[in-house]
Amino acid sequence: MSYRWFKRKKKRPRSVSRGTKHYLEHKEAARALIHERLLHYNEHYGLTYKRVAIRNPKRNWGSCSSLKNLNFSYKILFLPSHLQDYIIVHELCHLKEMNHSKRFWKLVGKIVPDYKEMRKKLRNI
């Protein structure tokens, strides 16, 4: 009786994709930038948030959960500083207004008065 079927094949170690490698190389730099800018802008707003996560999403630059967790793409690191600041302020304002109402845009407009221009630039990237 043969026991070949019982032997397990040795698994090769998985190689890390280029995208994952890039993410891992820049994740902490993005975290440092985002924390610094959050502290700066939150002096004006005085909002509370729980956790800041740096992720590698396919589509969005940032998000805010109902649990007051902020999530950002590590790729924010490669944007011009005025767009970085817009994204950070945008997500910070979602802590107070969890929608895109007039009140929300008024909050964003306090710090980033040309937010409409920033939105257009981000859409083109």
PDB file of N, CA and C in Angstrom:
ATOM      1  N   MET A   1       0.845  -1.185   0.000  1.00  0.00           N
ATOM      2  CA  MET A   1       0.000   0.000   0.000  1.00  0.00           C
ATOM      3  C   MET A   1       0.888   1.245   0.000  1.00  0.00           C
ATOM      4  N   SER A   2       0.575   2.165  -0.848  1.00  0.00           N
ATOM      5  CA  SER A   2       1.390   3.357  -0.987  1.00  0.00           C
ATOM      6  C   SER A   2       0.820   4.489  -0.117  1.00  0.00           C
ATOM      7  N   TYR A   3       1.735   5.200   0.510  1.00  0.00           N
ATOM      8  CA  TYR A   3       1.326   6.313   1.366  1.00  0.00           C
ATOM      9  C   TYR A   3       1.715   7.662   0.755  1.00  0.00           C
ATOM     10  N   ARG A   4       1.914   7.708  -0.528  1.00  0.00           N
ATOM     11  CA  ARG A   4       2.295   8.946  -1.194  1.00  0.00           C
ATOM     12  C   ARG A   4       1.239  10.028  -1.036  1.00  0.00           C
ATOM     13  N   TRP A   5      -0.006   9.662  -1.085  1.00  0.00           N
ATOM     14  CA  TRP A   5      -1.086  10.633  -0.980  1.00  0.00           C
ATOM     15  C   TRP A   5      -1.078  11.308   0.377  1.00  0.00           C
ATOM     16  N   PHE A   6      -0.480  10.659   1.357  1.00  0.00           N
ATOM     17  CA  PHE A   6      -0.463  11.174   2.714  1.00  0.00           C
ATOM     18  C   PHE A   6       0.618  12.234   2.907  1.00  0.00           C
ATOM     19  N   LYS A   7       1.694  12.120   2.144  1.00  0.00           N
ATOM     20  CA  LYS A   7       2.784  13.078   2.293  1.00  0.00           C
ATOM     21  C   LYS A   7       2.339  14.450   1.797  1.00  0.00           C
ATOM     22  N   ARG A   8       2.681  15.437   2.561  1.00  0.00           N
ATOM     23  CA  ARG A   8       2.335  16.801   2.171  1.00  0.00           C
ATOM     24  C   ARG A   8       3.449  17.399   1.340  1.00  0.00           C
ATOM     25  N   LYS A   9       3.030  18.161   0.381  1.00  0.00           N
ATOM     26  CA  LYS A   9       4.017  18.856  -0.421  1.00  0.00           C
ATOM     27  C   LYS A   9       4.580  20.010   0.392  1.00  0.00           C
ATOM     28  N   LYS A  10       5.863  20.239   0.215  1.00  0.00           N
ATOM     29  CA  LYS A  10       6.466  21.376   0.893  1.00  0.00           C
ATOM     30  C   LYS A  10       6.025  22.653   0.193  1.00  0.00           C
ATOM     31  N   LYS A  11       5.577  23.590   0.985  1.00  0.00           N
ATOM     32  CA  LYS A  11       5.126  24.855   0.413  1.00  0.00           C
ATOM     33  C   LYS A  11       6.303  25.792   0.254  1.00  0.00           C
ATOM     34  N   ARG A  12       6.327  26.413  -0.908  1.00  0.00           N
ATOM     35  CA  ARG A  12       7.358  27.426  -1.135  1.00  0.00           C
ATOM     36  C   ARG A  12       6.945  28.691  -0.398  1.00  0.00           C
ATOM     37  N   PRO A  13       7.919  29.411   0.114  1.00  0.00           N
ATOM     38  CA  PRO A  13       7.553  30.676   0.759  1.00  0.00           C
ATOM     39  C   PRO A  13       6.969  31.628  -0.277  1.00  0.00           C
ATOM     40  N   ARG A  14       5.943  32.323   0.128  1.00  0.00           N
ATOM     41  CA  ARG A  14       5.288  33.246  -0.799  1.00  0.00           C
ATOM     42  C   ARG A  14       6.173  34.451  -1.036  1.00  0.00           C
ATOM     43  N   SER A  15       6.223  34.855  -2.268  1.00  0.00           N
ATOM     44  CA  SER A  15       6.974  36.065  -2.577  1.00  0.00           C
ATOM     45  C   SER A  15       6.043  37.256  -2.392  1.00  0.00           C
ATOM     46  N   VAL A  16       6.617  38.365  -2.039  1.00  0.00           N
ATOM     47  CA  VAL A  16       5.843  39.573  -1.804  1.00  0.00           C
ATOM     48  C   VAL A  16       5.739  40.332  -3.121  1.00  0.00           C
ATOM     49  N   SER A  17       4.529  40.729  -3.473  1.00  0.00           N
ATOM     50  CA  SER A  17       4.344  41.461  -4.729  1.00  0.00           C
ATOM     51  C   SER A  17       4.989  42.841  -4.637  1.00  0.00           C
ATOM     52  N   ARG A  18       5.231  43.432  -5.792  1.00  0.00           N
ATOM     53  CA  ARG A  18       5.851  44.752  -5.833  1.00  0.00           C
ATOM     54  C   ARG A  18       5.010  45.796  -5.111  1.00  0.00           C
ATOM     55  N   GLY A  19       3.685  45.703  -5.297  1.00  0.00           N
ATOM     56  CA  GLY A  19       2.782  46.651  -4.652  1.00  0.00           C
ATOM     57  C   GLY A  19       2.813  46.544  -3.142  1.00  0.00           C
ATOM     58  N   THR A  20       2.831  45.313  -2.640  1.00  0.00           N
ATOM     59  CA  THR A  20       2.890  45.093  -1.198  1.00  0.00           C
ATOM     60  C   THR A  20       4.217  45.559  -0.644  1.00  0.00           C
ATOM     61  N   LYS A  21       5.274  45.298  -1.367  1.00  0.00           N
ATOM     62  CA  LYS A  21       6.598  45.719  -0.926  1.00  0.00           C
ATOM     63  C   LYS A  21       6.669  47.242  -0.835  1.00  0.00           C
ATOM     64  N   HIS A  22       6.132  47.917  -1.841  1.00  0.00           N
ATOM     65  CA  HIS A  22       6.105  49.385  -1.857  1.00  0.00           C
ATOM     66  C   HIS A  22       5.313  49.911  -0.661  1.00  0.00           C
ATOM     67  N   TYR A  23       4.168  49.291  -0.393  1.00  0.00           N
ATOM     68  CA  TYR A  23       3.319  49.663   0.739  1.00  0.00           C
ATOM     69  C   TYR A  23       4.079  49.513   2.050  1.00  0.00           C
ATOM     70  N   LEU A  24       4.729  48.378   2.235  1.00  0.00           N
ATOM     71  CA  LEU A  24       5.453  48.119   3.486  1.00  0.00           C
ATOM     72  C   LEU A  24       6.634  49.076   3.673  1.00  0.00           C
ATOM     73  N   GLU A  25       7.258  49.466   2.569  1.00  0.00           N
ATOM     74  CA  GLU A  25       8.393  50.392   2.650  1.00  0.00           C
ATOM     75  C   GLU A  25       7.965  51.794   3.063  1.00  0.00           C
ATOM     76  N   HIS A  26       6.762  52.209   2.689  1.00  0.00           N
ATOM     77  CA  HIS A  26       6.342  53.600   2.893  1.00  0.00           C
ATOM     78  C   HIS A  26       5.255  53.792   3.946  1.00  0.00           C
ATOM     79  N   LYS A  27       4.759  52.713   4.501  1.00  0.00           N
ATOM     80  CA  LYS A  27       3.644  52.771   5.447  1.00  0.00           C
ATOM     81  C   LYS A  27       3.953  53.649   6.662  1.00  0.00           C
ATOM     82  N   GLU A  28       5.092  53.450   7.283  1.00  0.00           N
ATOM     83  CA  GLU A  28       5.415  54.184   8.510  1.00  0.00           C
ATOM     84  C   GLU A  28       5.696  55.657   8.245  1.00  0.00           C
ATOM     85  N   ALA A  29       6.264  55.978   7.102  1.00  0.00           N
ATOM     86  CA  ALA A  29       6.481  57.384   6.740  1.00  0.00           C
ATOM     87  C   ALA A  29       5.130  58.075   6.565  1.00  0.00           C
ATOM     88  N   ALA A  30       4.189  57.378   5.947  1.00  0.00           N
ATOM     89  CA  ALA A  30       2.841  57.923   5.778  1.00  0.00           C
ATOM     90  C   ALA A  30       2.173  58.107   7.136  1.00  0.00           C
ATOM     91  N   ARG A  31       2.341  57.145   8.020  1.00  0.00           N
ATOM     92  CA  ARG A  31       1.763  57.231   9.364  1.00  0.00           C
ATOM     93  C   ARG A  31       2.292  58.461  10.100  1.00  0.00           C
ATOM     94  N   ALA A  32       3.594  58.697  10.035  1.00  0.00           N
ATOM     95  CA  ALA A  32       4.209  59.842  10.721  1.00  0.00           C
ATOM     96  C   ALA A  32       3.650  61.154  10.166  1.00  0.00           C
ATOM     97  N   LEU A  33       3.573  61.258   8.848  1.00  0.00           N
ATOM     98  CA  LEU A  33       3.042  62.459   8.215  1.00  0.00           C
ATOM     99  C   LEU A  33       1.600  62.704   8.634  1.00  0.00           C
ATOM    100  N   ILE A  34       0.791  61.677   8.572  1.00  0.00           N
ATOM    101  CA  ILE A  34      -0.633  61.811   8.872  1.00  0.00           C
ATOM    102  C   ILE A  34      -0.850  62.184  10.337  1.00  0.00           C
ATOM    103  N   HIS A  35      -0.124  61.546  11.248  1.00  0.00           N
ATOM    104  CA  HIS A  35      -0.271  61.892  12.671  1.00  0.00           C
ATOM    105  C   HIS A  35       0.117  63.343  12.929  1.00  0.00           C
ATOM    106  N   GLU A  36       1.192  63.777  12.317  1.00  0.00           N
ATOM    107  CA  GLU A  36       1.645  65.159  12.491  1.00  0.00           C
ATOM    108  C   GLU A  36       0.586  66.144  12.008  1.00  0.00           C
ATOM    109  N   ARG A  37       0.039  65.888  10.809  1.00  0.00           N
ATOM    110  CA  ARG A  37      -0.954  66.803  10.243  1.00  0.00           C
ATOM    111  C   ARG A  37      -2.287  66.715  10.989  1.00  0.00           C
ATOM    112  N   LEU A  38      -2.656  65.535  11.470  1.00  0.00           N
ATOM    113  CA  LEU A  38      -3.881  65.400  12.267  1.00  0.00           C
ATOM    114  C   LEU A  38      -3.788  66.235  13.539  1.00  0.00           C
ATOM    115  N   LEU A  39      -2.657  66.155  14.216  1.00  0.00           N
ATOM    116  CA  LEU A  39      -2.464  66.947  15.435  1.00  0.00           C
ATOM    117  C   LEU A  39      -2.560  68.439  15.126  1.00  0.00           C
ATOM    118  N   HIS A  40      -1.946  68.849  14.039  1.00  0.00           N
ATOM    119  CA  HIS A  40      -1.955  70.256  13.647  1.00  0.00           C
ATOM    120  C   HIS A  40      -3.379  70.755  13.390  1.00  0.00           C
ATOM    121  N   TYR A  41      -4.131  70.053  12.566  1.00  0.00           N
ATOM    122  CA  TYR A  41      -5.469  70.502  12.203  1.00  0.00           C
ATOM    123  C   TYR A  41      -6.490  70.274  13.312  1.00  0.00           C
ATOM    124  N   ASN A  42      -6.265  69.293  14.136  1.00  0.00           N
ATOM    125  CA  ASN A  42      -7.213  69.033  15.212  1.00  0.00           C
ATOM    126  C   ASN A  42      -7.109  70.074  16.325  1.00  0.00           C
ATOM    127  N   GLU A  43      -6.041  70.852  16.335  1.00  0.00           N
ATOM    128  CA  GLU A  43      -5.980  71.976  17.279  1.00  0.00           C
ATOM    129  C   GLU A  43      -7.133  72.939  16.997  1.00  0.00           C
ATOM    130  N   HIS A  44      -7.492  73.080  15.747  1.00  0.00           N
ATOM    131  CA  HIS A  44      -8.595  73.962  15.356  1.00  0.00           C
ATOM    132  C   HIS A  44      -9.954  73.315  15.655  1.00  0.00           C
ATOM    133  N   TYR A  45     -10.113  72.048  15.320  1.00  0.00           N
ATOM    134  CA  TYR A  45     -11.413  71.387  15.437  1.00  0.00           C
ATOM    135  C   TYR A  45     -11.677  70.819  16.830  1.00  0.00           C
ATOM    136  N   GLY A  46     -10.668  70.305  17.497  1.00  0.00           N
ATOM    137  CA  GLY A  46     -10.843  69.725  18.830  1.00  0.00           C
ATOM    138  C   GLY A  46     -11.720  68.480  18.852  1.00  0.00           C
ATOM    139  N   LEU A  47     -11.587  67.636  17.849  1.00  0.00           N
ATOM    140  CA  LEU A  47     -12.384  66.412  17.755  1.00  0.00           C
ATOM    141  C   LEU A  47     -11.603  65.231  18.318  1.00  0.00           C
ATOM    142  N   THR A  48     -12.312  64.177  18.685  1.00  0.00           N
ATOM    143  CA  THR A  48     -11.636  62.978  19.190  1.00  0.00           C
ATOM    144  C   THR A  48     -11.785  61.843  18.186  1.00  0.00           C
ATOM    145  N   TYR A  49     -10.734  61.096  18.043  1.00  0.00           N
ATOM    146  CA  TYR A  49     -10.750  59.920  17.182  1.00  0.00           C
ATOM    147  C   TYR A  49     -10.032  58.807  17.923  1.00  0.00           C
ATOM    148  N   LYS A  50     -10.319  57.577  17.527  1.00  0.00           N
ATOM    149  CA  LYS A  50      -9.750  56.427  18.242  1.00  0.00           C
ATOM    150  C   LYS A  50      -8.460  55.940  17.604  1.00  0.00           C
ATOM    151  N   ARG A  51      -8.558  55.455  16.394  1.00  0.00           N
ATOM    152  CA  ARG A  51      -7.418  54.786  15.785  1.00  0.00           C
ATOM    153  C   ARG A  51      -7.167  55.360  14.396  1.00  0.00           C
ATOM    154  N   VAL A  52      -5.906  55.382  14.033  1.00  0.00           N
ATOM    155  CA  VAL A  52      -5.528  55.802  12.683  1.00  0.00           C
ATOM    156  C   VAL A  52      -4.856  54.601  12.018  1.00  0.00           C
ATOM    157  N   ALA A  53      -5.427  54.166  10.906  1.00  0.00           N
ATOM    158  CA  ALA A  53      -4.873  53.011  10.188  1.00  0.00           C
ATOM    159  C   ALA A  53      -4.346  53.476   8.830  1.00  0.00           C
ATOM    160  N   ILE A  54      -3.210  52.931   8.469  1.00  0.00           N
ATOM    161  CA  ILE A  54      -2.625  53.191   7.156  1.00  0.00           C
ATOM    162  C   ILE A  54      -2.815  51.927   6.340  1.00  0.00           C
ATOM    163  N   ARG A  55      -3.505  52.053   5.234  1.00  0.00           N
ATOM    164  CA  ARG A  55      -3.868  50.890   4.425  1.00  0.00           C
ATOM    165  C   ARG A  55      -3.432  51.076   2.977  1.00  0.00           C
ATOM    166  N   ASN A  56      -3.758  50.075   2.179  1.00  0.00           N
ATOM    167  CA  ASN A  56      -3.447  50.124   0.756  1.00  0.00           C
ATOM    168  C   ASN A  56      -4.717  49.842  -0.051  1.00  0.00           C
ATOM    169  N   PRO A  57      -5.699  50.767   0.027  1.00  0.00           N
ATOM    170  CA  PRO A  57      -6.946  50.529  -0.708  1.00  0.00           C
ATOM    171  C   PRO A  57      -6.767  50.775  -2.198  1.00  0.00           C
ATOM    172  N   LYS A  58      -7.664  50.236  -2.977  1.00  0.00           N
ATOM    173  CA  LYS A  58      -7.556  50.407  -4.427  1.00  0.00           C
ATOM    174  C   LYS A  58      -8.151  51.729  -4.896  1.00  0.00           C
ATOM    175  N   ARG A  59      -9.172  52.230  -4.189  1.00  0.00           N
ATOM    176  CA  ARG A  59      -9.887  53.375  -4.731  1.00  0.00           C
ATOM    177  C   ARG A  59      -9.857  54.653  -3.907  1.00  0.00           C
ATOM    178  N   ASN A  60      -9.985  54.601  -2.613  1.00  0.00           N
ATOM    179  CA  ASN A  60     -10.156  55.849  -1.873  1.00  0.00           C
ATOM    180  C   ASN A  60      -8.888  56.286  -1.144  1.00  0.00           C
ATOM    181  N   TRP A  61      -8.825  57.584  -0.876  1.00  0.00           N
ATOM    182  CA  TRP A  61      -7.655  58.161  -0.198  1.00  0.00           C
ATOM    183  C   TRP A  61      -7.795  58.069   1.309  1.00  0.00           C
ATOM    184  N   GLY A  62      -9.019  58.034   1.787  1.00  0.00           N
ATOM    185  CA  GLY A  62      -9.235  57.977   3.220  1.00  0.00           C
ATOM    186  C   GLY A  62     -10.683  57.656   3.529  1.00  0.00           C
ATOM    187  N   SER A  63     -10.931  57.298   4.790  1.00  0.00           N
ATOM    188  CA  SER A  63     -12.294  57.041   5.237  1.00  0.00           C
ATOM    189  C   SER A  63     -12.360  57.226   6.745  1.00  0.00           C
ATOM    190  N   CYS A  64     -13.585  57.368   7.221  1.00  0.00           N
ATOM    191  CA  CYS A  64     -13.832  57.526   8.646  1.00  0.00           C
ATOM    192  C   CYS A  64     -14.971  56.585   9.006  1.00  0.00           C
ATOM    193  N   SER A  65     -14.782  55.776  10.022  1.00  0.00           N
ATOM    194  CA  SER A  65     -15.823  54.833  10.408  1.00  0.00           C
ATOM    195  C   SER A  65     -16.721  55.443  11.481  1.00  0.00           C
ATOM    196  N   SER A  66     -17.872  54.837  11.684  1.00  0.00           N
ATOM    197  CA  SER A  66     -18.792  55.311  12.723  1.00  0.00           C
ATOM    198  C   SER A  66     -18.211  55.110  14.126  1.00  0.00           C
ATOM    199  N   LEU A  67     -17.179  54.290  14.222  1.00  0.00           N
ATOM    200  CA  LEU A  67     -16.500  54.078  15.510  1.00  0.00           C
ATOM    201  C   LEU A  67     -15.410  55.116  15.750  1.00  0.00           C
ATOM    202  N   LYS A  68     -15.337  56.114  14.868  1.00  0.00           N
ATOM    203  CA  LYS A  68     -14.353  57.200  14.942  1.00  0.00           C
ATOM    204  C   LYS A  68     -12.921  56.744  14.674  1.00  0.00           C
ATOM    205  N   ASN A  69     -12.801  55.750  13.820  1.00  0.00           N
ATOM    206  CA  ASN A  69     -11.487  55.308  13.356  1.00  0.00           C
ATOM    207  C   ASN A  69     -11.221  55.976  12.012  1.00  0.00           C
ATOM    208  N   LEU A  70     -10.013  56.477  11.848  1.00  0.00           N
ATOM    209  CA  LEU A  70      -9.622  57.116  10.599  1.00  0.00           C
ATOM    210  C   LEU A  70      -8.721  56.176   9.817  1.00  0.00           C
ATOM    211  N   ASN A  71      -8.982  56.039   8.536  1.00  0.00           N
ATOM    212  CA  ASN A  71      -8.191  55.181   7.657  1.00  0.00           C
ATOM    213  C   ASN A  71      -7.671  56.022   6.503  1.00  0.00           C
ATOM    214  N   PHE A  72      -6.402  55.824   6.174  1.00  0.00           N
ATOM    215  CA  PHE A  72      -5.795  56.577   5.085  1.00  0.00           C
ATOM    216  C   PHE A  72      -4.987  55.647   4.201  1.00  0.00           C
ATOM    217  N   SER A  73      -4.911  55.997   2.935  1.00  0.00           N
ATOM    218  CA  SER A  73      -4.064  55.280   2.001  1.00  0.00           C
ATOM    219  C   SER A  73      -2.620  55.739   2.205  1.00  0.00           C
ATOM    220  N   TYR A  74      -1.696  54.815   2.142  1.00  0.00           N
ATOM    221  CA  TYR A  74      -0.286  55.178   2.277  1.00  0.00           C
ATOM    222  C   TYR A  74       0.162  56.056   1.108  1.00  0.00           C
ATOM    223  N   LYS A  75      -0.572  56.001  -0.003  1.00  0.00           N
ATOM    224  CA  LYS A  75      -0.204  56.757  -1.199  1.00  0.00           C
ATOM    225  C   LYS A  75      -0.385  58.256  -1.027  1.00  0.00           C
ATOM    226  N   ILE A  76      -1.017  58.656   0.067  1.00  0.00           N
ATOM    227  CA  ILE A  76      -1.153  60.078   0.377  1.00  0.00           C
ATOM    228  C   ILE A  76       0.234  60.720   0.489  1.00  0.00           C
ATOM    229  N   LEU A  77       1.201  59.918   0.847  1.00  0.00           N
ATOM    230  CA  LEU A  77       2.589  60.360   1.004  1.00  0.00           C
ATOM    231  C   LEU A  77       3.145  60.952  -0.291  1.00  0.00           C
ATOM    232  N   PHE A  78       2.652  60.502  -1.432  1.00  0.00           N
ATOM    233  CA  PHE A  78       3.206  60.898  -2.725  1.00  0.00           C
ATOM    234  C   PHE A  78       2.432  62.043  -3.394  1.00  0.00           C
ATOM    235  N   LEU A  79       1.473  62.598  -2.676  1.00  0.00           N
ATOM    236  CA  LEU A  79       0.697  63.722  -3.191  1.00  0.00           C
ATOM    237  C   LEU A  79       1.346  65.044  -2.791  1.00  0.00           C
ATOM    238  N   PRO A  80       1.037  66.122  -3.498  1.00  0.00           N
ATOM    239  CA  PRO A  80       1.499  67.440  -3.055  1.00  0.00           C
ATOM    240  C   PRO A  80       0.905  67.757  -1.674  1.00  0.00           C
ATOM    241  N   SER A  81       1.584  68.568  -0.904  1.00  0.00           N
ATOM    242  CA  SER A  81       1.175  68.805   0.484  1.00  0.00           C
ATOM    243  C   SER A  81      -0.228  69.403   0.603  1.00  0.00           C
ATOM    244  N   HIS A  82      -0.641  70.264  -0.326  1.00  0.00           N
ATOM    245  CA  HIS A  82      -1.977  70.852  -0.211  1.00  0.00           C
ATOM    246  C   HIS A  82      -3.076  69.799  -0.400  1.00  0.00           C
ATOM    247  N   LEU A  83      -2.824  68.773  -1.204  1.00  0.00           N
ATOM    248  CA  LEU A  83      -3.795  67.688  -1.364  1.00  0.00           C
ATOM    249  C   LEU A  83      -3.775  66.749  -0.159  1.00  0.00           C
ATOM    250  N   GLN A  84      -2.590  66.512   0.396  1.00  0.00           N
ATOM    251  CA  GLN A  84      -2.493  65.715   1.625  1.00  0.00           C
ATOM    252  C   GLN A  84      -3.330  66.358   2.721  1.00  0.00           C
ATOM    253  N   ASP A  85      -3.151  67.669   2.874  1.00  0.00           N
ATOM    254  CA  ASP A  85      -3.863  68.385   3.927  1.00  0.00           C
ATOM    255  C   ASP A  85      -5.371  68.361   3.701  1.00  0.00           C
ATOM    256  N   TYR A  86      -5.795  68.487   2.460  1.00  0.00           N
ATOM    257  CA  TYR A  86      -7.225  68.433   2.166  1.00  0.00           C
ATOM    258  C   TYR A  86      -7.806  67.078   2.588  1.00  0.00           C
ATOM    259  N   ILE A  87      -7.147  65.998   2.230  1.00  0.00           N
ATOM    260  CA  ILE A  87      -7.647  64.652   2.565  1.00  0.00           C
ATOM    261  C   ILE A  87      -7.736  64.479   4.077  1.00  0.00           C
ATOM    262  N   ILE A  88      -6.716  64.919   4.778  1.00  0.00           N
ATOM    263  CA  ILE A  88      -6.688  64.771   6.231  1.00  0.00           C
ATOM    264  C   ILE A  88      -7.789  65.607   6.882  1.00  0.00           C
ATOM    265  N   VAL A  89      -7.966  66.834   6.438  1.00  0.00           N
ATOM    266  CA  VAL A  89      -9.032  67.693   6.974  1.00  0.00           C
ATOM    267  C   VAL A  89     -10.395  67.088   6.642  1.00  0.00           C
ATOM    268  N   HIS A  90     -10.557  66.585   5.430  1.00  0.00           N
ATOM    269  CA  HIS A  90     -11.818  65.972   5.001  1.00  0.00           C
ATOM    270  C   HIS A  90     -12.214  64.845   5.951  1.00  0.00           C
ATOM    271  N   GLU A  91     -11.284  63.937   6.212  1.00  0.00           N
ATOM    272  CA  GLU A  91     -11.608  62.800   7.085  1.00  0.00           C
ATOM    273  C   GLU A  91     -11.800  63.243   8.532  1.00  0.00           C
ATOM    274  N   LEU A  92     -11.047  64.219   8.959  1.00  0.00           N
ATOM    275  CA  LEU A  92     -11.196  64.755  10.319  1.00  0.00           C
ATOM    276  C   LEU A  92     -12.600  65.340  10.500  1.00  0.00           C
ATOM    277  N   CYS A  93     -13.094  66.039   9.501  1.00  0.00           N
ATOM    278  CA  CYS A  93     -14.430  66.640   9.571  1.00  0.00           C
ATOM    279  C   CYS A  93     -15.532  65.582   9.608  1.00  0.00           C
ATOM    280  N   HIS A  94     -15.270  64.411   9.068  1.00  0.00           N
ATOM    281  CA  HIS A  94     -16.261  63.336   9.133  1.00  0.00           C
ATOM    282  C   HIS A  94     -16.480  62.855  10.561  1.00  0.00           C
ATOM    283  N   LEU A  95     -15.589  63.157  11.459  1.00  0.00           N
ATOM    284  CA  LEU A  95     -15.801  62.792  12.867  1.00  0.00           C
ATOM    285  C   LEU A  95     -16.997  63.555  13.441  1.00  0.00           C
ATOM    286  N   LYS A  96     -17.224  64.749  12.928  1.00  0.00           N
ATOM    287  CA  LYS A  96     -18.350  65.562  13.400  1.00  0.00           C
ATOM    288  C   LYS A  96     -19.587  65.392  12.514  1.00  0.00           C
ATOM    289  N   GLU A  97     -19.384  65.355  11.215  1.00  0.00           N
ATOM    290  CA  GLU A  97     -20.481  65.182  10.250  1.00  0.00           C
ATOM    291  C   GLU A  97     -20.185  63.952   9.398  1.00  0.00           C
ATOM    292  N   MET A  98     -20.943  62.888   9.605  1.00  0.00           N
ATOM    293  CA  MET A  98     -20.690  61.626   8.893  1.00  0.00           C
ATOM    294  C   MET A  98     -21.380  61.587   7.526  1.00  0.00           C
ATOM    295  N   ASN A  99     -21.386  62.709   6.838  1.00  0.00           N
ATOM    296  CA  ASN A  99     -22.036  62.802   5.534  1.00  0.00           C
ATOM    297  C   ASN A  99     -21.362  63.929   4.757  1.00  0.00           C
ATOM    298  N   HIS A 100     -21.887  64.233   3.603  1.00  0.00           N
ATOM    299  CA  HIS A 100     -21.356  65.326   2.794  1.00  0.00           C
ATOM    300  C   HIS A 100     -22.407  66.438   2.662  1.00  0.00           C
ATOM    301  N   SER A 101     -22.966  66.809   3.791  1.00  0.00           N
ATOM    302  CA  SER A 101     -23.982  67.866   3.823  1.00  0.00           C
ATOM    303  C   SER A 101     -23.326  69.243   3.730  1.00  0.00           C
ATOM    304  N   LYS A 102     -24.156  70.277   3.687  1.00  0.00           N
ATOM    305  CA  LYS A 102     -23.648  71.648   3.664  1.00  0.00           C
ATOM    306  C   LYS A 102     -22.846  71.940   4.928  1.00  0.00           C
ATOM    307  N   ARG A 103     -23.309  71.403   6.054  1.00  0.00           N
ATOM    308  CA  ARG A 103     -22.577  71.610   7.322  1.00  0.00           C
ATOM    309  C   ARG A 103     -21.187  70.991   7.255  1.00  0.00           C
ATOM    310  N   PHE A 104     -21.103  69.818   6.637  1.00  0.00           N
ATOM    311  CA  PHE A 104     -19.802  69.159   6.487  1.00  0.00           C
ATOM    312  C   PHE A 104     -18.862  70.028   5.667  1.00  0.00           C
ATOM    313  N   TRP A 105     -19.327  70.487   4.502  1.00  0.00           N
ATOM    314  CA  TRP A 105     -18.463  71.276   3.624  1.00  0.00           C
ATOM    315  C   TRP A 105     -18.100  72.618   4.253  1.00  0.00           C
ATOM    316  N   LYS A 106     -18.977  73.137   5.096  1.00  0.00           N
ATOM    317  CA  LYS A 106     -18.661  74.375   5.815  1.00  0.00           C
ATOM    318  C   LYS A 106     -17.509  74.141   6.789  1.00  0.00           C
ATOM    319  N   LEU A 107     -17.526  72.983   7.457  1.00  0.00           N
ATOM    320  CA  LEU A 107     -16.420  72.609   8.363  1.00  0.00           C
ATOM    321  C   LEU A 107     -15.106  72.492   7.600  1.00  0.00           C
ATOM    322  N   VAL A 108     -15.144  71.809   6.478  1.00  0.00           N
ATOM    323  CA  VAL A 108     -13.943  71.637   5.659  1.00  0.00           C
ATOM    324  C   VAL A 108     -13.460  72.995   5.169  1.00  0.00           C
ATOM    325  N   GLY A 109     -14.400  73.838   4.744  1.00  0.00           N
ATOM    326  CA  GLY A 109     -14.069  75.144   4.194  1.00  0.00           C
ATOM    327  C   GLY A 109     -13.404  76.092   5.179  1.00  0.00           C
ATOM    328  N   LYS A 110     -13.542  75.838   6.470  1.00  0.00           N
ATOM    329  CA  LYS A 110     -12.880  76.686   7.472  1.00  0.00           C
ATOM    330  C   LYS A 110     -11.363  76.618   7.338  1.00  0.00           C
ATOM    331  N   ILE A 111     -10.862  75.449   7.017  1.00  0.00           N
ATOM    332  CA  ILE A 111      -9.414  75.247   6.890  1.00  0.00           C
ATOM    333  C   ILE A 111      -8.977  75.239   5.425  1.00  0.00           C
ATOM    334  N   VAL A 112      -9.784  74.623   4.579  1.00  0.00           N
ATOM    335  CA  VAL A 112      -9.439  74.499   3.156  1.00  0.00           C
ATOM    336  C   VAL A 112     -10.517  75.208   2.338  1.00  0.00           C
ATOM    337  N   PRO A 113     -10.413  76.543   2.190  1.00  0.00           N
ATOM    338  CA  PRO A 113     -11.465  77.269   1.483  1.00  0.00           C
ATOM    339  C   PRO A 113     -11.606  76.880   0.007  1.00  0.00           C
ATOM    340  N   ASP A 114     -10.542  76.403  -0.608  1.00  0.00           N
ATOM    341  CA  ASP A 114     -10.607  76.000  -2.025  1.00  0.00           C
ATOM    342  C   ASP A 114     -10.762  74.486  -2.171  1.00  0.00           C
ATOM    343  N   TYR A 115     -11.577  73.889  -1.297  1.00  0.00           N
ATOM    344  CA  TYR A 115     -11.756  72.438  -1.295  1.00  0.00           C
ATOM    345  C   TYR A 115     -12.342  71.920  -2.607  1.00  0.00           C
ATOM    346  N   LYS A 116     -13.146  72.720  -3.286  1.00  0.00           N
ATOM    347  CA  LYS A 116     -13.737  72.260  -4.556  1.00  0.00           C
ATOM    348  C   LYS A 116     -12.645  72.016  -5.602  1.00  0.00           C
ATOM    349  N   GLU A 117     -11.672  72.891  -5.607  1.00  0.00           N
ATOM    350  CA  GLU A 117     -10.539  72.741  -6.522  1.00  0.00           C
ATOM    351  C   GLU A 117      -9.731  71.479  -6.177  1.00  0.00           C
ATOM    352  N   MET A 118      -9.542  71.247  -4.879  1.00  0.00           N
ATOM    353  CA  MET A 118      -8.783  70.072  -4.424  1.00  0.00           C
ATOM    354  C   MET A 118      -9.489  68.782  -4.848  1.00  0.00           C
ATOM    355  N   ARG A 119     -10.811  68.756  -4.722  1.00  0.00           N
ATOM    356  CA  ARG A 119     -11.582  67.574  -5.113  1.00  0.00           C
ATOM    357  C   ARG A 119     -11.386  67.274  -6.595  1.00  0.00           C
ATOM    358  N   LYS A 120     -11.406  68.319  -7.417  1.00  0.00           N
ATOM    359  CA  LYS A 120     -11.216  68.120  -8.857  1.00  0.00           C
ATOM    360  C   LYS A 120      -9.828  67.555  -9.154  1.00  0.00           C
ATOM    361  N   LYS A 121      -8.832  68.085  -8.484  1.00  0.00           N
ATOM    362  CA  LYS A 121      -7.453  67.613  -8.709  1.00  0.00           C
ATOM    363  C   LYS A 121      -7.323  66.138  -8.318  1.00  0.00           C
ATOM    364  N   LEU A 122      -7.917  65.759  -7.192  1.00  0.00           N
ATOM    365  CA  LEU A 122      -7.832  64.363  -6.745  1.00  0.00           C
ATOM    366  C   LEU A 122      -8.553  63.418  -7.702  1.00  0.00           C
ATOM    367  N   ARG A 123      -9.642  63.863  -8.265  1.00  0.00           N
ATOM    368  CA  ARG A 123     -10.373  63.019  -9.214  1.00  0.00           C
ATOM    369  C   ARG A 123      -9.557  62.737 -10.461  1.00  0.00           C
ATOM    370  N   ASN A 124      -8.700  63.693 -10.815  1.00  0.00           N
ATOM    371  CA  ASN A 124      -7.886  63.540 -12.029  1.00  0.00           C
ATOM    372  C   ASN A 124      -6.642  62.702 -11.808  1.00  0.00           C
ATOM    373  N   ILE A 125      -6.337  62.399 -10.570  1.00  0.00           N
ATOM    374  CA  ILE A 125      -5.136  61.602 -10.285  1.00  0.00           C
ATOM    375  C   ILE A 125      -5.468  60.136 -10.399  1.00  0.00           C
TER     376      ILE A 125
END
